[in-house]
């Protein structure tokens, strides 16, 4: 099974630090070009993540199918 085939496409969370609305829209477009998710939620990262990652960073969080 390929890595992409093991992704549950019902929900994707995108956490981010210091990214503009314009850039968040661009990130959404790039995600949608590569894979369909029923719901995509954008959430500003916590201060602890912000300190570790820094401005202009983002992460993709999804659930794997079993």
Protein backbone atom coordinates (compact mmCIF):
# COMPACT_ATOMS: atom_id res chain seq x y z
CA UNK A 1 0.00 0.00 0.00
CA UNK A 2 1.42 3.40 -0.92
CA UNK A 3 1.85 6.08 1.75
CA UNK A 4 -0.87 8.25 0.15
CA UNK A 5 -3.30 5.32 0.13
CA UNK A 6 -2.96 5.01 3.91
CA UNK A 7 -4.15 8.58 4.60
CA UNK A 8 -7.67 9.12 5.97
CA UNK A 9 -8.90 11.94 3.74
CA UNK A 10 -11.82 13.01 5.91
CA UNK A 11 -9.88 15.72 7.83
CA UNK A 12 -6.57 17.55 7.47
CA UNK A 13 -5.29 20.03 10.04
CA UNK A 14 -2.78 22.66 8.96
CA UNK A 15 -0.98 24.34 11.83
CA UNK A 16 0.98 27.49 11.04
CA UNK A 17 3.15 30.23 12.47
CA UNK A 18 3.34 33.76 11.07
CA UNK A 19 1.78 33.09 7.67
CA UNK A 20 -0.44 35.60 5.85
CA UNK A 21 -3.99 34.85 4.64
CA UNK A 22 -2.71 35.04 1.07
CA UNK A 23 -0.08 32.38 1.77
CA UNK A 24 -2.60 30.19 3.63
CA UNK A 25 -4.85 30.32 0.56
CA UNK A 26 -1.86 29.27 -1.58
CA UNK A 27 -1.13 26.36 0.79
CA UNK A 28 -4.77 25.23 0.51
CA UNK A 29 -4.54 25.34 -3.29
CA UNK A 30 -1.38 23.22 -3.26
CA UNK A 31 -2.96 20.64 -0.95
CA UNK A 32 -6.06 20.42 -3.15
CA UNK A 33 -3.88 19.90 -6.26
CA UNK A 34 -2.39 16.77 -4.72
CA UNK A 35 -5.12 15.21 -2.58
CA UNK A 36 -8.79 15.74 -1.76
CA UNK A 37 -9.77 16.13 1.90
CA UNK A 38 -13.39 16.45 3.00
CA UNK A 39 -12.41 19.16 5.51
CA UNK A 40 -9.25 21.26 5.86
CA UNK A 41 -8.84 23.20 9.08
CA UNK A 42 -6.23 25.92 9.56
CA UNK A 43 -5.13 26.56 13.14
CA UNK A 44 -2.48 28.93 14.39
CA UNK A 45 0.17 26.93 16.26
CA UNK A 46 0.67 27.20 19.99
CA UNK A 47 3.44 29.41 21.44
CA UNK A 48 5.54 26.30 22.19
CA UNK A 49 5.40 25.16 18.57
CA UNK A 50 6.06 28.72 17.40
CA UNK A 51 9.25 28.91 19.46
CA UNK A 52 10.51 25.59 18.07
CA UNK A 53 9.56 26.15 14.43
CA UNK A 54 9.60 29.90 13.86
CA UNK A 55 7.68 32.28 11.61
CA UNK A 56 6.68 31.15 8.13
CA UNK A 57 6.36 27.46 9.00
CA UNK A 58 3.42 25.08 8.81
CA UNK A 59 2.62 21.45 9.48
CA UNK A 60 0.15 18.96 8.06
CA UNK A 61 -1.60 16.63 10.50
CA UNK A 62 -3.68 13.70 9.32
CA UNK A 63 -4.82 10.29 10.50
CA UNK A 64 -3.55 7.08 8.93
CA UNK A 65 -6.01 4.38 7.88
CA UNK A 66 -5.51 0.92 9.30
